[in-house]
Amino acid sequence: MWLYSLLRIVLFLALWGIVVAAGLHAFFGAVVAAVLSVPLSWVLLAAPRAKLARNIEARMAAHRDERAALDAELSGEDEPDNPN
């Protein structure tokens, strides 16, 4: 997650620097860079974003499995059928 966030920030800062170097005011340049960074990050950062999504999905699946195991344990489904 940190890598993807860092890449988004670097992309924004690079665009901001280019826009300011082209002669736009710093604030207006930041707005233009923010607007440009959204579609560019969608295209240029597709692989890191997909890796981040896979990582999050794997963590969520592991959490669901742990939760299901804990729910089964607490409900007594793992206990034998013959109580003494």
N, C-alpha and C. Protein backbone atom coordinates (compact mmCIF):
# COMPACT_ATOMS: atom_id res chain seq x y z
N MET A 1 0.82 -1.18 0.00
CA MET A 1 0.00 0.00 0.00
C MET A 1 0.87 1.26 0.00
N TRP A 2 1.96 1.19 0.73
CA TRP A 2 2.84 2.35 0.79
C TRP A 2 3.47 2.64 -0.56
N LEU A 3 3.84 1.59 -1.29
CA LEU A 3 4.46 1.79 -2.59
C LEU A 3 3.49 2.48 -3.55
N TYR A 4 2.25 2.02 -3.61
CA TYR A 4 1.27 2.63 -4.50
C TYR A 4 1.03 4.09 -4.11
N SER A 5 0.89 4.35 -2.83
CA SER A 5 0.67 5.73 -2.37
C SER A 5 1.86 6.61 -2.71
N LEU A 6 3.05 6.09 -2.51
CA LEU A 6 4.25 6.86 -2.84
C LEU A 6 4.33 7.15 -4.34
N LEU A 7 4.00 6.16 -5.16
CA LEU A 7 4.00 6.38 -6.60
C LEU A 7 2.97 7.43 -7.03
N ARG A 8 1.81 7.43 -6.39
CA ARG A 8 0.80 8.46 -6.70
C ARG A 8 1.31 9.84 -6.33
N ILE A 9 1.97 9.96 -5.18
CA ILE A 9 2.50 11.25 -4.75
C ILE A 9 3.60 11.72 -5.69
N VAL A 10 4.48 10.80 -6.07
CA VAL A 10 5.58 11.17 -6.98
C VAL A 10 5.01 11.61 -8.33
N LEU A 11 4.01 10.92 -8.82
CA LEU A 11 3.38 11.31 -10.08
C LEU A 11 2.78 12.70 -9.98
N PHE A 12 2.08 12.98 -8.90
CA PHE A 12 1.50 14.31 -8.71
C PHE A 12 2.58 15.37 -8.65
N LEU A 13 3.63 15.13 -7.86
CA LEU A 13 4.70 16.12 -7.73
C LEU A 13 5.42 16.36 -9.05
N ALA A 14 5.63 15.30 -9.82
CA ALA A 14 6.27 15.45 -11.13
C ALA A 14 5.40 16.29 -12.06
N LEU A 15 4.12 16.01 -12.08
CA LEU A 15 3.21 16.80 -12.92
C LEU A 15 3.13 18.24 -12.45
N TRP A 16 3.11 18.43 -11.15
CA TRP A 16 3.07 19.78 -10.61
C TRP A 16 4.32 20.56 -11.01
N GLY A 17 5.47 19.91 -10.90
CA GLY A 17 6.71 20.56 -11.32
C GLY A 17 6.71 20.92 -12.79
N ILE A 18 6.21 20.04 -13.62
CA ILE A 18 6.15 20.32 -15.06
C ILE A 18 5.20 21.48 -15.35
N VAL A 19 4.05 21.48 -14.70
CA VAL A 19 3.06 22.53 -14.94
C VAL A 19 3.58 23.88 -14.43
N VAL A 20 4.21 23.91 -13.28
CA VAL A 20 4.76 25.16 -12.75
C VAL A 20 5.92 25.63 -13.63
N ALA A 21 6.74 24.70 -14.10
CA ALA A 21 7.85 25.07 -14.99
C ALA A 21 7.32 25.61 -16.32
N ALA A 22 6.12 25.19 -16.70
CA ALA A 22 5.51 25.68 -17.94
C ALA A 22 4.96 27.10 -17.77
N GLY A 23 4.92 27.59 -16.52
CA GLY A 23 4.55 28.98 -16.31
C GLY A 23 3.24 29.21 -15.58
N LEU A 24 2.56 28.18 -15.13
CA LEU A 24 1.32 28.39 -14.38
C LEU A 24 1.63 28.74 -12.93
N HIS A 25 0.72 29.45 -12.30
CA HIS A 25 0.84 29.79 -10.90
C HIS A 25 0.84 28.50 -10.07
N ALA A 26 1.50 28.51 -8.90
CA ALA A 26 1.68 27.30 -8.10
C ALA A 26 0.35 26.66 -7.71
N PHE A 27 -0.62 27.46 -7.24
CA PHE A 27 -1.90 26.89 -6.82
C PHE A 27 -2.66 26.32 -8.01
N PHE A 28 -2.76 27.08 -9.08
CA PHE A 28 -3.45 26.59 -10.27
C PHE A 28 -2.71 25.39 -10.85
N GLY A 29 -1.40 25.40 -10.76
CA GLY A 29 -0.62 24.25 -11.21
C GLY A 29 -0.91 23.00 -10.40
N ALA A 30 -1.12 23.17 -9.10
CA ALA A 30 -1.46 22.03 -8.24
C ALA A 30 -2.82 21.46 -8.62
N VAL A 31 -3.76 22.33 -8.93
CA VAL A 31 -5.09 21.86 -9.34
C VAL A 31 -5.00 21.10 -10.66
N VAL A 32 -4.28 21.67 -11.62
CA VAL A 32 -4.11 21.00 -12.92
C VAL A 32 -3.39 19.67 -12.74
N ALA A 33 -2.34 19.65 -11.92
CA ALA A 33 -1.60 18.41 -11.68
C ALA A 33 -2.49 17.36 -11.02
N ALA A 34 -3.35 17.76 -10.09
CA ALA A 34 -4.26 16.81 -9.45
C ALA A 34 -5.24 16.23 -10.46
N VAL A 35 -5.77 17.08 -11.33
CA VAL A 35 -6.72 16.60 -12.34
C VAL A 35 -6.03 15.67 -13.32
N LEU A 36 -4.81 15.99 -13.71
CA LEU A 36 -4.08 15.14 -14.66
C LEU A 36 -3.57 13.85 -14.02
N SER A 37 -3.27 13.89 -12.74
CA SER A 37 -2.69 12.70 -12.10
C SER A 37 -3.69 11.56 -11.95
N VAL A 38 -4.98 11.87 -11.89
CA VAL A 38 -5.99 10.81 -11.71
C VAL A 38 -6.02 9.87 -12.92
N PRO A 39 -6.25 10.37 -14.14
CA PRO A 39 -6.27 9.42 -15.27
C PRO A 39 -4.89 8.83 -15.58
N LEU A 40 -3.84 9.61 -15.37
CA LEU A 40 -2.50 9.07 -15.62
C LEU A 40 -2.15 7.96 -14.64
N SER A 41 -2.54 8.11 -13.39
CA SER A 41 -2.25 7.05 -12.42
C SER A 41 -3.08 5.81 -12.74
N TRP A 42 -4.28 6.00 -13.28
CA TRP A 42 -5.11 4.85 -13.66
C TRP A 42 -4.41 4.03 -14.74
N VAL A 43 -3.73 4.70 -15.66
CA VAL A 43 -3.05 4.01 -16.76
C VAL A 43 -1.65 3.57 -16.34
N LEU A 44 -0.87 4.48 -15.80
CA LEU A 44 0.55 4.20 -15.52
C LEU A 44 0.76 3.31 -14.30
N LEU A 45 -0.15 3.34 -13.35
CA LEU A 45 0.03 2.58 -12.12
C LEU A 45 -0.93 1.40 -12.03
N ALA A 46 -1.32 0.85 -13.17
CA ALA A 46 -2.26 -0.27 -13.18
C ALA A 46 -1.68 -1.51 -12.50
N ALA A 47 -0.42 -1.81 -12.76
CA ALA A 47 0.20 -3.01 -12.17
C ALA A 47 0.33 -2.90 -10.65
N PRO A 48 0.86 -1.79 -10.11
CA PRO A 48 0.92 -1.68 -8.65
C PRO A 48 -0.47 -1.67 -8.00
N ARG A 49 -1.45 -1.06 -8.66
CA ARG A 49 -2.80 -1.04 -8.12
C ARG A 49 -3.39 -2.45 -8.09
N ALA A 50 -3.15 -3.24 -9.13
CA ALA A 50 -3.64 -4.62 -9.17
C ALA A 50 -2.97 -5.46 -8.07
N LYS A 51 -1.68 -5.24 -7.87
CA LYS A 51 -0.97 -5.96 -6.81
C LYS A 51 -1.53 -5.58 -5.44
N LEU A 52 -1.81 -4.31 -5.24
CA LEU A 52 -2.40 -3.85 -3.99
C LEU A 52 -3.78 -4.47 -3.79
N ALA A 53 -4.58 -4.53 -4.84
CA ALA A 53 -5.91 -5.11 -4.73
C ALA A 53 -5.83 -6.60 -4.39
N ARG A 54 -4.89 -7.32 -5.01
CA ARG A 54 -4.72 -8.74 -4.69
C ARG A 54 -4.30 -8.92 -3.23
N ASN A 55 -3.42 -8.07 -2.76
CA ASN A 55 -2.95 -8.14 -1.38
C ASN A 55 -4.11 -7.90 -0.41
N ILE A 56 -4.92 -6.90 -0.68
CA ILE A 56 -6.05 -6.60 0.19
C ILE A 56 -7.05 -7.74 0.16
N GLU A 57 -7.33 -8.30 -1.02
CA GLU A 57 -8.27 -9.40 -1.13
C GLU A 57 -7.77 -10.64 -0.37
N ALA A 58 -6.47 -10.92 -0.45
CA ALA A 58 -5.90 -12.06 0.28
C ALA A 58 -6.03 -11.86 1.79
N ARG A 59 -5.79 -10.64 2.25
CA ARG A 59 -5.92 -10.36 3.68
C ARG A 59 -7.37 -10.48 4.13
N MET A 60 -8.30 -10.02 3.30
CA MET A 60 -9.72 -10.13 3.64
C MET A 60 -10.16 -11.59 3.66
N ALA A 61 -9.69 -12.40 2.71
CA ALA A 61 -10.05 -13.82 2.68
C ALA A 61 -9.50 -14.53 3.91
N ALA A 62 -8.26 -14.22 4.29
CA ALA A 62 -7.68 -14.82 5.49
C ALA A 62 -8.48 -14.42 6.73
N HIS A 63 -8.90 -13.17 6.78
CA HIS A 63 -9.70 -12.71 7.91
C HIS A 63 -11.05 -13.43 7.95
N ARG A 64 -11.69 -13.60 6.79
CA ARG A 64 -12.97 -14.32 6.75
C ARG A 64 -12.80 -15.77 7.20
N ASP A 65 -11.71 -16.42 6.77
CA ASP A 65 -11.46 -17.80 7.17
C ASP A 65 -11.23 -17.92 8.68
N GLU A 66 -10.45 -16.99 9.23
CA GLU A 66 -10.21 -17.00 10.67
C GLU A 66 -11.51 -16.74 11.42
N ARG A 67 -12.32 -15.84 10.91
CA ARG A 67 -13.60 -15.53 11.56
C ARG A 67 -14.53 -16.74 11.52
N ALA A 68 -14.58 -17.42 10.38
CA ALA A 68 -15.44 -18.61 10.25
C ALA A 68 -14.96 -19.71 11.20
N ALA A 69 -13.65 -19.89 11.32
CA ALA A 69 -13.12 -20.90 12.23
C ALA A 69 -13.46 -20.55 13.68
N LEU A 70 -13.33 -19.29 14.03
CA LEU A 70 -13.66 -18.87 15.38
C LEU A 70 -15.15 -19.01 15.66
N ASP A 71 -15.98 -18.63 14.69
CA ASP A 71 -17.43 -18.80 14.86
C ASP A 71 -17.80 -20.26 15.05
N ALA A 72 -17.18 -21.16 14.26
CA ALA A 72 -17.45 -22.59 14.38
C ALA A 72 -17.02 -23.11 15.74
N GLU A 73 -15.87 -22.63 16.20
CA GLU A 73 -15.37 -23.06 17.51
C GLU A 73 -16.27 -22.58 18.64
N LEU A 74 -16.72 -21.36 18.55
CA LEU A 74 -17.56 -20.80 19.61
C LEU A 74 -18.97 -21.38 19.59
N SER A 75 -19.45 -21.81 18.43
CA SER A 75 -20.80 -22.37 18.36
C SER A 75 -20.82 -23.83 18.77
N GLY A 76 -19.66 -24.46 18.92
CA GLY A 76 -19.59 -25.84 19.37
C GLY A 76 -19.72 -26.83 18.26
N GLU A 77 -19.58 -26.43 17.01
CA GLU A 77 -19.70 -27.36 15.90
C GLU A 77 -18.55 -28.37 15.85
N ASP A 78 -17.46 -28.05 16.48
CA ASP A 78 -16.30 -28.94 16.44
C ASP A 78 -16.32 -29.98 17.58
N GLU A 79 -17.31 -29.87 18.47
CA GLU A 79 -17.37 -30.79 19.60
C GLU A 79 -17.96 -32.13 19.16
N PRO A 80 -17.60 -33.21 19.83
CA PRO A 80 -18.17 -34.51 19.49
C PRO A 80 -19.68 -34.57 19.77
N ASP A 81 -20.36 -35.48 19.09
CA ASP A 81 -21.82 -35.59 19.23
C ASP A 81 -22.25 -36.32 20.50
N ASN A 82 -21.37 -37.06 21.15
CA ASN A 82 -21.72 -37.84 22.34
C ASN A 82 -21.25 -37.17 23.60
N PRO A 83 -22.08 -36.30 24.19
CA PRO A 83 -21.68 -35.72 25.48
C PRO A 83 -21.89 -36.76 26.58
N ASN A 84 -21.05 -36.74 27.60
CA ASN A 84 -21.16 -37.71 28.71
C ASN A 84 -22.23 -37.35 29.63
